[in-house]
Amino acid sequence: MRPDPDVLARRIDDKLVLVHLRTDRLYEMNPTATRIWELIGAGHDAAQIQAQIMREFHGPAATIAAEVKGALASMQEENLVSVDDCDGH
């Protein structure tokens, strides 16, 4: 999984905003989604991202896992990320 090359990420104050250049859509990321985006950019796969978010954010493991899964699915649906064939997803 990797950020789509047509998506720009910019910090505005304490927020991360993504701009999809092909669709002209803007996305304001919450703190969890921001961290997920950073981990995607660092080359982590879905399992690594989930494990890292569980270490960094407090809450029930099932809730965090569902939120990470949902965030990754939303990013894929909005074409913010590309899934590499070698990831097996």
C-alpha atoms as a PDB file:
ATOM      1  CA  MET A   1       0.000   0.000   0.000  1.00  0.00           C
ATOM      2  CA  ARG A   2       1.283   3.445  -0.868  1.00  0.00           C
ATOM      3  CA  PRO A   3      -0.043   6.992  -1.221  1.00  0.00           C
ATOM      4  CA  ASP A   4      -1.422   7.699  -4.685  1.00  0.00           C
ATOM      5  CA  PRO A   5       1.046   9.960  -6.531  1.00  0.00           C
ATOM      6  CA  ASP A   6      -1.816  12.358  -7.377  1.00  0.00           C
ATOM      7  CA  VAL A   7      -2.516  13.055  -3.685  1.00  0.00           C
ATOM      8  CA  LEU A   8      -0.782  15.912  -1.923  1.00  0.00           C
ATOM      9  CA  ALA A   9      -0.633  16.045   1.863  1.00  0.00           C
ATOM     10  CA  ARG A  10      -0.210  19.345   3.686  1.00  0.00           C
ATOM     11  CA  ARG A  11      -0.279  20.284   7.342  1.00  0.00           C
ATOM     12  CA  ILE A  12      -2.416  23.297   8.131  1.00  0.00           C
ATOM     13  CA  ASP A  13      -2.000  24.235  11.772  1.00  0.00           C
ATOM     14  CA  ASP A  14      -2.518  20.920  13.601  1.00  0.00           C
ATOM     15  CA  LYS A  15      -4.547  19.276  10.810  1.00  0.00           C
ATOM     16  CA  LEU A  16      -3.484  17.153   7.867  1.00  0.00           C
ATOM     17  CA  VAL A  17      -5.286  17.934   4.645  1.00  0.00           C
ATOM     18  CA  LEU A  18      -5.094  15.715   1.571  1.00  0.00           C
ATOM     19  CA  VAL A  19      -5.791  17.073  -1.898  1.00  0.00           C
ATOM     20  CA  HIS A  20      -6.547  14.608  -4.679  1.00  0.00           C
ATOM     21  CA  LEU A  21      -5.347  16.348  -7.834  1.00  0.00           C
ATOM     22  CA  ARG A  22      -7.407  14.222 -10.257  1.00  0.00           C
ATOM     23  CA  THR A  23     -10.704  14.754  -8.443  1.00  0.00           C
ATOM     24  CA  ASP A  24     -10.057  18.155  -6.790  1.00  0.00           C
ATOM     25  CA  ARG A  25     -11.402  16.699  -3.546  1.00  0.00           C
ATOM     26  CA  LEU A  26     -10.094  17.759  -0.140  1.00  0.00           C
ATOM     27  CA  TYR A  27      -9.880  15.500   2.907  1.00  0.00           C
ATOM     28  CA  GLU A  28      -9.289  16.691   6.466  1.00  0.00           C
ATOM     29  CA  MET A  29      -7.763  13.883   8.462  1.00  0.00           C
ATOM     30  CA  ASN A  30      -8.410  13.265  12.162  1.00  0.00           C
ATOM     31  CA  PRO A  31      -5.415  12.361  14.378  1.00  0.00           C
ATOM     32  CA  THR A  32      -5.805   8.614  13.847  1.00  0.00           C
ATOM     33  CA  ALA A  33      -6.164   8.935  10.062  1.00  0.00           C
ATOM     34  CA  THR A  34      -3.185  11.297  10.023  1.00  0.00           C
ATOM     35  CA  ARG A  35      -1.041   8.696  11.762  1.00  0.00           C
ATOM     36  CA  ILE A  36      -2.299   5.979   9.419  1.00  0.00           C
ATOM     37  CA  TRP A  37      -1.359   8.199   6.444  1.00  0.00           C
ATOM     38  CA  GLU A  38       2.132   8.702   7.871  1.00  0.00           C
ATOM     39  CA  LEU A  39       2.579   4.949   8.327  1.00  0.00           C
ATOM     40  CA  ILE A  40       1.405   4.267   4.771  1.00  0.00           C
ATOM     41  CA  GLY A  41       3.941   6.810   3.536  1.00  0.00           C
ATOM     42  CA  ALA A  42       6.648   5.037   5.538  1.00  0.00           C
ATOM     43  CA  GLY A  43       5.907   1.803   3.678  1.00  0.00           C
ATOM     44  CA  HIS A  44       3.994  -0.115   6.351  1.00  0.00           C
ATOM     45  CA  ASP A  45       1.422  -2.720   5.346  1.00  0.00           C
ATOM     46  CA  ALA A  46      -2.064  -2.986   6.872  1.00  0.00           C
ATOM     47  CA  ALA A  47      -1.004  -5.393   9.640  1.00  0.00           C
ATOM     48  CA  GLN A  48       1.939  -3.214  10.637  1.00  0.00           C
ATOM     49  CA  ILE A  49      -0.259  -0.118  10.637  1.00  0.00           C
ATOM     50  CA  GLN A  50      -2.846  -1.765  12.860  1.00  0.00           C
ATOM     51  CA  ALA A  51      -0.193  -2.957  15.316  1.00  0.00           C
ATOM     52  CA  GLN A  52       1.413   0.486  15.497  1.00  0.00           C
ATOM     53  CA  ILE A  53      -1.904   2.312  15.976  1.00  0.00           C
ATOM     54  CA  MET A  54      -2.776  -0.102  18.797  1.00  0.00           C
ATOM     55  CA  ARG A  55       0.515   0.794  20.496  1.00  0.00           C
ATOM     56  CA  GLU A  56      -0.013   4.538  20.102  1.00  0.00           C
ATOM     57  CA  PHE A  57      -3.743   4.999  20.726  1.00  0.00           C
ATOM     58  CA  HIS A  58      -5.668   3.845  23.782  1.00  0.00           C
ATOM     59  CA  GLY A  59      -8.928   1.970  23.566  1.00  0.00           C
ATOM     60  CA  PRO A  60     -10.408  -1.473  23.057  1.00  0.00           C
ATOM     61  CA  ALA A  61      -8.351  -3.493  20.572  1.00  0.00           C
ATOM     62  CA  ALA A  62     -11.436  -4.486  18.579  1.00  0.00           C
ATOM     63  CA  THR A  63     -12.500  -0.850  18.226  1.00  0.00           C
ATOM     64  CA  ILE A  64      -9.065   0.270  17.110  1.00  0.00           C
ATOM     65  CA  ALA A  65      -8.790  -2.618  14.647  1.00  0.00           C
ATOM     66  CA  ALA A  66     -12.184  -1.749  13.153  1.00  0.00           C
ATOM     67  CA  GLU A  67     -11.272   1.930  12.865  1.00  0.00           C
ATOM     68  CA  VAL A  68      -7.965   1.165  11.148  1.00  0.00           C
ATOM     69  CA  LYS A  69      -9.656  -1.257   8.753  1.00  0.00           C
ATOM     70  CA  GLY A  70     -12.365   1.304   7.999  1.00  0.00           C
ATOM     71  CA  ALA A  71      -9.880   4.119   7.461  1.00  0.00           C
ATOM     72  CA  LEU A  72      -7.780   2.016   5.079  1.00  0.00           C
ATOM     73  CA  ALA A  73     -10.896   0.938   3.161  1.00  0.00           C
ATOM     74  CA  SER A  74     -12.073   4.551   2.872  1.00  0.00           C
ATOM     75  CA  MET A  75      -8.663   5.671   1.637  1.00  0.00           C
ATOM     76  CA  GLN A  76      -8.750   2.932  -1.010  1.00  0.00           C
ATOM     77  CA  GLU A  77     -12.329   3.774  -2.054  1.00  0.00           C
ATOM     78  CA  GLU A  78     -11.384   7.438  -2.465  1.00  0.00           C
ATOM     79  CA  ASN A  79      -8.266   6.437  -4.447  1.00  0.00           C
ATOM     80  CA  LEU A  80      -5.986   8.116  -1.931  1.00  0.00           C
ATOM     81  CA  VAL A  81      -3.820   5.004  -1.741  1.00  0.00           C
ATOM     82  CA  SER A  82      -2.813   2.303  -4.161  1.00  0.00           C
ATOM     83  CA  VAL A  83      -2.517  -1.313  -3.139  1.00  0.00           C
ATOM     84  CA  ASP A  84       0.573  -3.005  -4.540  1.00  0.00           C
ATOM     85  CA  ASP A  85       0.036  -6.449  -6.017  1.00  0.00           C
ATOM     86  CA  CYS A  86       2.790  -7.864  -3.816  1.00  0.00           C
ATOM     87  CA  ASP A  87       0.814  -6.921  -0.663  1.00  0.00           C
ATOM     88  CA  GLY A  88      -1.643  -9.696  -1.379  1.00  0.00           C
ATOM     89  CA  HIS A  89      -4.658  -7.444  -0.645  1.00  0.00           C
END
